[in-house]
């Protein structure tokens, strides 16, 4: 009887592993959903990277397409950018560069990004999810 239960347990575990390994679309979809949650609900990337509409709110039709920065520092900062780059569909760096930025806070030039860009310290898995989500977005023509 012990052998039968061991066989059933082994079959169930192998079936679960096989179905997980055989469904890359489900894994990709889950990764993109995780990235969407982080981008939209946690990191709030749209606050800077989405243009504002005439009422001052984010223009959802242009989500993450790059935008003039609407917020300014209380005291002048010499390196304050005037524009946040597009991050939807077409990223400002390679996937590896983006993951490095999101996990270490260091950009491809070896420097920290200029304020107001946060210096994230995401896990590699979360950073990869963010990149997958951003890559999945269709950029609007400019």
N, C-alpha and C. Protein backbone atom coordinates (compact mmCIF):
# COMPACT_ATOMS: atom_id res chain seq x y z
N UNK A 1 0.83 -1.21 0.00
CA UNK A 1 0.00 0.00 0.00
C UNK A 1 0.87 1.26 0.00
N UNK A 2 1.98 1.24 0.77
CA UNK A 2 2.87 2.40 0.79
C UNK A 2 3.41 2.69 -0.61
N UNK A 3 3.72 1.65 -1.36
CA UNK A 3 4.26 1.83 -2.70
C UNK A 3 3.21 2.47 -3.60
N UNK A 4 1.95 2.07 -3.46
CA UNK A 4 0.88 2.65 -4.28
C UNK A 4 0.73 4.14 -4.00
N UNK A 5 0.74 4.55 -2.73
CA UNK A 5 0.61 5.96 -2.39
C UNK A 5 1.83 6.75 -2.86
N UNK A 6 2.99 6.16 -2.75
CA UNK A 6 4.20 6.82 -3.24
C UNK A 6 4.11 7.03 -4.75
N UNK A 7 3.59 6.04 -5.45
CA UNK A 7 3.43 6.15 -6.90
C UNK A 7 2.42 7.24 -7.26
N UNK A 8 1.30 7.28 -6.54
CA UNK A 8 0.28 8.32 -6.78
C UNK A 8 0.87 9.69 -6.52
N UNK A 9 1.57 9.85 -5.41
CA UNK A 9 2.18 11.14 -5.08
C UNK A 9 3.19 11.55 -6.15
N UNK A 10 4.01 10.61 -6.60
CA UNK A 10 5.00 10.92 -7.63
C UNK A 10 4.32 11.32 -8.93
N UNK A 11 3.25 10.64 -9.29
CA UNK A 11 2.53 10.97 -10.52
C UNK A 11 1.90 12.36 -10.42
N UNK A 12 1.32 12.66 -9.26
CA UNK A 12 0.70 13.99 -9.09
C UNK A 12 1.74 15.09 -9.17
N UNK A 13 2.88 14.90 -8.50
CA UNK A 13 3.93 15.92 -8.54
C UNK A 13 4.47 16.07 -9.95
N UNK A 14 4.67 14.95 -10.65
CA UNK A 14 5.21 15.04 -12.00
C UNK A 14 4.19 15.66 -12.94
N UNK A 15 2.91 15.40 -12.75
CA UNK A 15 1.87 16.00 -13.61
C UNK A 15 1.84 17.50 -13.41
N UNK A 16 1.95 17.95 -12.17
CA UNK A 16 1.95 19.39 -11.91
C UNK A 16 3.17 20.06 -12.52
N UNK A 17 4.33 19.45 -12.38
CA UNK A 17 5.55 20.02 -12.94
C UNK A 17 5.48 20.03 -14.46
N UNK A 18 4.95 18.95 -15.04
CA UNK A 18 4.86 18.88 -16.49
C UNK A 18 3.92 19.94 -17.03
N UNK A 19 2.74 20.09 -16.42
CA UNK A 19 1.79 21.07 -16.94
C UNK A 19 2.36 22.47 -16.81
N UNK A 20 3.11 22.74 -15.75
CA UNK A 20 3.73 24.05 -15.57
C UNK A 20 4.79 24.28 -16.65
N UNK A 21 5.60 23.25 -16.91
CA UNK A 21 6.67 23.39 -17.89
C UNK A 21 6.14 23.44 -19.31
N UNK A 22 4.99 22.83 -19.55
CA UNK A 22 4.45 22.77 -20.90
C UNK A 22 3.59 23.97 -21.26
N UNK A 23 3.39 24.90 -20.36
CA UNK A 23 2.54 26.03 -20.65
C UNK A 23 3.32 27.34 -20.52
N UNK A 24 4.22 27.61 -21.45
CA UNK A 24 5.00 28.84 -21.36
C UNK A 24 4.13 30.09 -21.51
N UNK A 25 3.03 30.00 -22.24
CA UNK A 25 2.15 31.17 -22.39
C UNK A 25 1.53 31.56 -21.05
N UNK A 26 1.15 30.57 -20.24
CA UNK A 26 0.60 30.86 -18.92
C UNK A 26 1.65 31.51 -18.02
N UNK A 27 2.88 31.01 -18.10
CA UNK A 27 3.97 31.61 -17.31
C UNK A 27 4.23 33.04 -17.76
N UNK A 28 4.25 33.25 -19.09
CA UNK A 28 4.48 34.59 -19.62
C UNK A 28 3.37 35.54 -19.19
N UNK A 29 2.14 35.07 -19.28
CA UNK A 29 0.99 35.89 -18.88
C UNK A 29 1.06 36.25 -17.40
N UNK A 30 1.42 35.30 -16.57
CA UNK A 30 1.55 35.56 -15.13
C UNK A 30 2.67 36.57 -14.86
N UNK A 31 3.78 36.46 -15.59
CA UNK A 31 4.90 37.38 -15.43
C UNK A 31 4.47 38.80 -15.81
N UNK A 32 3.74 38.92 -16.93
CA UNK A 32 3.27 40.24 -17.37
C UNK A 32 2.29 40.82 -16.36
N UNK A 33 1.38 40.01 -15.84
CA UNK A 33 0.43 40.49 -14.83
C UNK A 33 1.15 40.98 -13.58
N UNK A 34 2.17 40.25 -13.17
CA UNK A 34 2.96 40.67 -12.00
C UNK A 34 3.63 42.01 -12.29
N UNK A 35 4.20 42.15 -13.49
CA UNK A 35 4.82 43.41 -13.87
C UNK A 35 3.84 44.56 -13.90
N UNK A 36 2.65 44.30 -14.41
CA UNK A 36 1.61 45.34 -14.45
C UNK A 36 1.27 45.80 -13.03
N UNK A 37 1.12 44.85 -12.12
CA UNK A 37 0.82 45.18 -10.73
C UNK A 37 1.92 46.07 -10.15
N UNK A 38 3.17 45.72 -10.40
CA UNK A 38 4.29 46.50 -9.85
C UNK A 38 4.33 47.89 -10.49
N UNK A 39 4.24 47.97 -11.81
CA UNK A 39 4.33 49.25 -12.52
C UNK A 39 3.19 50.18 -12.15
N UNK A 40 1.97 49.65 -12.15
CA UNK A 40 0.81 50.51 -11.95
C UNK A 40 0.42 50.68 -10.49
N UNK A 41 0.61 49.64 -9.68
CA UNK A 41 0.11 49.70 -8.31
C UNK A 41 1.14 49.96 -7.24
N UNK A 42 2.41 49.65 -7.53
CA UNK A 42 3.44 49.79 -6.50
C UNK A 42 4.41 50.92 -6.85
N UNK A 43 5.07 50.81 -7.98
CA UNK A 43 6.08 51.80 -8.36
C UNK A 43 5.46 53.09 -8.88
N UNK A 44 4.22 53.02 -9.34
CA UNK A 44 3.48 54.19 -9.83
C UNK A 44 4.24 54.92 -10.96
N UNK A 45 4.77 54.16 -11.90
CA UNK A 45 5.57 54.70 -12.99
C UNK A 45 4.82 55.75 -13.82
N UNK A 46 3.51 55.57 -13.93
CA UNK A 46 2.71 56.48 -14.73
C UNK A 46 2.68 57.90 -14.20
N UNK A 47 3.01 58.11 -12.94
CA UNK A 47 3.01 59.46 -12.38
C UNK A 47 3.95 60.39 -13.16
N UNK A 48 5.06 59.85 -13.64
CA UNK A 48 6.01 60.67 -14.40
C UNK A 48 6.05 60.31 -15.88
N UNK A 49 5.87 59.04 -16.22
CA UNK A 49 6.07 58.59 -17.60
C UNK A 49 4.82 58.67 -18.46
N UNK A 50 3.68 59.12 -17.90
CA UNK A 50 2.44 59.26 -18.66
C UNK A 50 2.09 60.74 -18.78
N UNK A 51 1.80 61.21 -20.00
CA UNK A 51 1.41 62.62 -20.16
C UNK A 51 0.12 62.94 -19.39
N UNK A 52 -0.06 64.19 -19.09
CA UNK A 52 -1.24 64.68 -18.39
C UNK A 52 -2.28 65.18 -19.39
N UNK A 53 -3.55 65.01 -19.04
CA UNK A 53 -4.62 65.53 -19.88
C UNK A 53 -4.92 66.98 -19.48
N UNK A 54 -5.92 67.59 -20.12
CA UNK A 54 -6.23 69.00 -19.86
C UNK A 54 -6.73 69.25 -18.44
N UNK A 55 -7.21 68.20 -17.77
CA UNK A 55 -7.64 68.35 -16.38
C UNK A 55 -6.49 68.09 -15.39
N UNK A 56 -5.31 67.75 -15.90
CA UNK A 56 -4.15 67.52 -15.05
C UNK A 56 -3.97 66.08 -14.60
N UNK A 57 -4.89 65.20 -15.01
CA UNK A 57 -4.76 63.79 -14.67
C UNK A 57 -3.99 63.04 -15.74
N UNK A 58 -3.58 61.81 -15.45
CA UNK A 58 -2.86 61.02 -16.45
C UNK A 58 -3.74 60.72 -17.66
N UNK A 59 -3.17 60.84 -18.85
CA UNK A 59 -3.86 60.53 -20.10
C UNK A 59 -3.73 59.03 -20.33
N UNK A 60 -4.76 58.27 -19.98
CA UNK A 60 -4.68 56.81 -20.04
C UNK A 60 -4.45 56.30 -21.46
N UNK A 61 -4.82 57.06 -22.46
CA UNK A 61 -4.58 56.66 -23.84
C UNK A 61 -3.12 56.77 -24.25
N UNK A 62 -2.32 57.41 -23.42
CA UNK A 62 -0.89 57.59 -23.69
C UNK A 62 -0.05 57.01 -22.55
N UNK A 63 -0.57 56.00 -21.89
CA UNK A 63 0.10 55.44 -20.70
C UNK A 63 1.55 55.06 -20.97
N UNK A 64 2.42 55.62 -20.17
CA UNK A 64 3.86 55.31 -20.15
C UNK A 64 4.57 55.63 -21.47
N UNK A 65 4.02 56.60 -22.22
CA UNK A 65 4.60 56.97 -23.51
C UNK A 65 5.65 58.06 -23.40
N UNK A 66 6.01 58.45 -22.18
CA UNK A 66 6.94 59.55 -21.99
C UNK A 66 6.16 60.84 -21.84
N UNK A 67 6.69 61.75 -21.04
CA UNK A 67 5.93 62.96 -20.76
C UNK A 67 6.82 64.05 -20.18
N UNK A 68 6.42 65.30 -20.38
CA UNK A 68 7.09 66.38 -19.66
C UNK A 68 6.87 66.18 -18.17
N UNK A 69 7.87 66.41 -17.38
CA UNK A 69 7.71 66.26 -15.93
C UNK A 69 6.89 67.42 -15.39
N UNK A 70 5.81 67.10 -14.74
CA UNK A 70 4.90 68.11 -14.21
C UNK A 70 5.29 68.51 -12.79
N UNK A 71 6.09 67.70 -12.13
CA UNK A 71 6.50 68.07 -10.79
C UNK A 71 7.89 68.67 -10.82
N UNK A 72 8.11 69.60 -9.94
CA UNK A 72 9.38 70.31 -9.85
C UNK A 72 9.87 70.28 -8.42
N UNK A 73 11.18 70.33 -8.22
CA UNK A 73 11.70 70.32 -6.85
C UNK A 73 11.39 71.63 -6.13
N UNK A 74 11.32 71.56 -4.82
CA UNK A 74 11.04 72.76 -4.02
C UNK A 74 12.18 73.77 -4.14
N UNK A 75 13.40 73.27 -4.24
CA UNK A 75 14.55 74.14 -4.47
C UNK A 75 15.20 73.68 -5.77
N UNK A 76 15.75 74.61 -6.53
CA UNK A 76 16.32 74.24 -7.84
C UNK A 76 17.37 73.14 -7.73
N UNK A 77 17.29 72.19 -8.67
CA UNK A 77 18.25 71.10 -8.77
C UNK A 77 18.79 71.16 -10.20
N UNK A 78 20.09 71.30 -10.35
CA UNK A 78 20.69 71.50 -11.66
C UNK A 78 20.48 70.36 -12.64
N UNK A 79 20.33 69.13 -12.15
CA UNK A 79 20.22 67.99 -13.07
C UNK A 79 18.79 67.51 -13.22
N UNK A 80 17.83 68.28 -12.78
CA UNK A 80 16.42 67.87 -12.86
C UNK A 80 15.99 67.78 -14.32
N UNK A 81 15.52 66.63 -14.77
CA UNK A 81 15.13 66.49 -16.18
C UNK A 81 13.81 67.21 -16.47
N UNK A 82 13.60 67.55 -17.72
CA UNK A 82 12.34 68.17 -18.11
C UNK A 82 11.38 67.15 -18.71
N UNK A 83 11.88 65.97 -19.03
CA UNK A 83 11.08 64.94 -19.71
C UNK A 83 11.38 63.56 -19.12
N UNK A 84 10.32 62.78 -18.90
CA UNK A 84 10.47 61.37 -18.53
C UNK A 84 10.37 60.56 -19.82
N UNK A 85 11.25 59.58 -20.03
CA UNK A 85 11.24 58.85 -21.29
C UNK A 85 10.06 57.89 -21.43
N UNK A 86 9.81 57.51 -22.67
CA UNK A 86 8.83 56.47 -22.96
C UNK A 86 9.36 55.16 -22.38
N UNK A 87 8.49 54.41 -21.73
CA UNK A 87 8.88 53.09 -21.24
C UNK A 87 7.89 52.01 -21.68
N UNK A 88 6.87 52.38 -22.42
CA UNK A 88 5.89 51.41 -22.92
C UNK A 88 6.34 50.86 -24.26
N UNK A 89 6.57 49.55 -24.32
CA UNK A 89 6.90 48.90 -25.58
C UNK A 89 8.34 49.06 -26.02
N UNK A 90 8.85 50.28 -26.00
CA UNK A 90 10.22 50.57 -26.40
C UNK A 90 10.93 51.16 -25.18
N UNK A 91 11.79 50.37 -24.58
CA UNK A 91 12.47 50.80 -23.36
C UNK A 91 13.73 51.60 -23.70
N UNK A 92 14.18 52.45 -22.78
CA UNK A 92 15.38 53.26 -23.04
C UNK A 92 16.69 52.48 -22.88
N UNK A 93 16.60 51.17 -22.70
CA UNK A 93 17.79 50.32 -22.58
C UNK A 93 17.43 48.88 -22.87
N UNK A 94 18.43 48.03 -22.90
CA UNK A 94 18.19 46.61 -23.13
C UNK A 94 17.49 46.01 -21.90
N UNK A 95 16.98 44.81 -22.06
CA UNK A 95 16.33 44.14 -20.93
C UNK A 95 17.31 44.01 -19.76
N UNK A 96 18.54 43.59 -20.05
CA UNK A 96 19.55 43.44 -18.99
C UNK A 96 19.85 44.77 -18.30
N UNK A 97 19.95 45.85 -19.09
CA UNK A 97 20.20 47.17 -18.50
C UNK A 97 19.04 47.61 -17.62
N UNK A 98 17.82 47.33 -18.07
CA UNK A 98 16.65 47.70 -17.27
C UNK A 98 16.59 46.90 -15.97
N UNK A 99 16.89 45.61 -16.05
CA UNK A 99 16.89 44.78 -14.83
C UNK A 99 17.97 45.28 -13.87
N UNK A 100 19.14 45.62 -14.39
CA UNK A 100 20.20 46.16 -13.53
C UNK A 100 19.75 47.46 -12.87
N UNK A 101 19.13 48.34 -13.63
CA UNK A 101 18.63 49.60 -13.07
C UNK A 101 17.63 49.34 -11.95
N UNK A 102 16.70 48.43 -12.20
CA UNK A 102 15.63 48.19 -11.23
C UNK A 102 16.09 47.39 -10.01
N UNK A 103 17.19 46.66 -10.13
CA UNK A 103 17.67 45.87 -8.99
C UNK A 103 18.78 46.56 -8.21
N UNK A 104 19.53 47.46 -8.86
CA UNK A 104 20.67 48.09 -8.19
C UNK A 104 20.56 49.60 -8.05
N UNK A 105 19.69 50.21 -8.85
CA UNK A 105 19.61 51.66 -8.86
C UNK A 105 20.72 52.29 -9.69
N UNK A 106 21.41 51.49 -10.51
CA UNK A 106 22.51 51.99 -11.34
C UNK A 106 22.13 51.86 -12.81
N UNK A 107 22.33 52.92 -13.57
CA UNK A 107 21.98 52.93 -14.99
C UNK A 107 23.15 52.44 -15.82
N UNK A 108 22.96 52.33 -17.12
CA UNK A 108 23.95 51.74 -18.01
C UNK A 108 25.27 52.52 -18.06
N UNK A 109 25.24 53.79 -17.68
CA UNK A 109 26.47 54.59 -17.66
C UNK A 109 27.22 54.46 -16.33
N UNK A 110 26.71 53.58 -15.43
CA UNK A 110 27.35 53.38 -14.14
C UNK A 110 26.93 54.38 -13.08
N UNK A 111 26.01 55.27 -13.43
CA UNK A 111 25.55 56.31 -12.50
C UNK A 111 24.13 56.02 -12.05
N UNK A 112 23.75 56.68 -10.98
CA UNK A 112 22.37 56.60 -10.50
C UNK A 112 21.51 57.51 -11.39
N UNK A 113 20.25 57.14 -11.61
CA UNK A 113 19.40 58.02 -12.42
C UNK A 113 19.16 59.35 -11.71
N UNK A 114 18.88 60.35 -12.51
CA UNK A 114 18.63 61.68 -11.94
C UNK A 114 17.29 61.69 -11.21
N UNK A 115 17.20 62.51 -10.16
CA UNK A 115 15.90 62.70 -9.52
C UNK A 115 14.94 63.28 -10.55
N UNK A 116 13.71 62.95 -10.48
CA UNK A 116 12.98 62.28 -9.41
C UNK A 116 12.88 60.76 -9.58
N UNK A 117 13.66 60.16 -10.49
CA UNK A 117 13.60 58.71 -10.68
C UNK A 117 14.05 58.01 -9.40
N UNK A 118 13.19 57.16 -8.85
CA UNK A 118 13.57 56.43 -7.63
C UNK A 118 14.71 55.46 -7.91
N UNK A 119 15.49 55.19 -6.91
CA UNK A 119 16.55 54.18 -7.01
C UNK A 119 15.99 52.88 -6.47
N UNK A 120 15.34 52.14 -7.35
CA UNK A 120 14.69 50.89 -6.95
C UNK A 120 15.70 49.84 -6.54
N UNK A 121 15.26 48.93 -5.70
CA UNK A 121 16.03 47.75 -5.31
C UNK A 121 15.10 46.54 -5.39
N UNK A 122 14.57 46.30 -6.59
CA UNK A 122 13.65 45.18 -6.79
C UNK A 122 14.42 43.86 -6.79
N UNK A 123 13.69 42.79 -6.57
CA UNK A 123 14.29 41.47 -6.76
C UNK A 123 14.47 41.27 -8.26
N UNK A 124 15.40 40.41 -8.68
CA UNK A 124 15.53 40.14 -10.11
C UNK A 124 14.22 39.64 -10.74
N UNK A 125 13.46 38.85 -10.01
CA UNK A 125 12.20 38.33 -10.54
C UNK A 125 11.20 39.47 -10.77
N UNK A 126 11.11 40.40 -9.82
CA UNK A 126 10.20 41.53 -9.99
C UNK A 126 10.66 42.44 -11.12
N UNK A 127 11.96 42.68 -11.22
CA UNK A 127 12.48 43.52 -12.29
C UNK A 127 12.20 42.88 -13.65
N UNK A 128 12.37 41.57 -13.76
CA UNK A 128 12.08 40.88 -15.02
C UNK A 128 10.59 40.96 -15.34
N UNK A 129 9.74 40.91 -14.33
CA UNK A 129 8.30 41.04 -14.54
C UNK A 129 7.96 42.44 -15.05
N UNK A 130 8.59 43.46 -14.49
CA UNK A 130 8.36 44.84 -14.94
C UNK A 130 8.77 44.98 -16.40
N UNK A 131 9.94 44.47 -16.75
CA UNK A 131 10.42 44.55 -18.13
C UNK A 131 9.46 43.80 -19.07
N UNK A 132 9.01 42.63 -18.67
CA UNK A 132 8.08 41.86 -19.50
C UNK A 132 6.78 42.64 -19.73
N UNK A 133 6.27 43.27 -18.67
CA UNK A 133 5.05 44.07 -18.82
C UNK A 133 5.27 45.26 -19.75
N UNK A 134 6.35 45.99 -19.52
CA UNK A 134 6.61 47.17 -20.37
C UNK A 134 6.81 46.76 -21.82
N UNK A 135 7.51 45.68 -22.07
CA UNK A 135 7.72 45.19 -23.44
C UNK A 135 6.41 44.74 -24.08
N UNK A 136 5.45 44.30 -23.27
CA UNK A 136 4.18 43.81 -23.81
C UNK A 136 3.26 44.94 -24.26
N UNK A 137 3.55 46.15 -23.86
CA UNK A 137 2.70 47.29 -24.20
C UNK A 137 2.99 47.76 -25.63
N UNK A 138 1.96 48.19 -26.31
CA UNK A 138 2.13 48.73 -27.66
C UNK A 138 2.40 50.23 -27.56
N UNK A 139 3.57 50.65 -28.03
CA UNK A 139 3.84 52.09 -27.99
C UNK A 139 3.03 52.81 -29.06
N UNK A 140 2.62 54.02 -28.76
CA UNK A 140 1.91 54.79 -29.78
C UNK A 140 2.96 55.45 -30.68
N UNK A 141 2.62 55.69 -31.94
CA UNK A 141 3.59 56.33 -32.83
C UNK A 141 3.89 57.75 -32.37
N UNK A 142 5.14 58.14 -32.54
CA UNK A 142 5.50 59.50 -32.15
C UNK A 142 5.90 60.32 -33.35
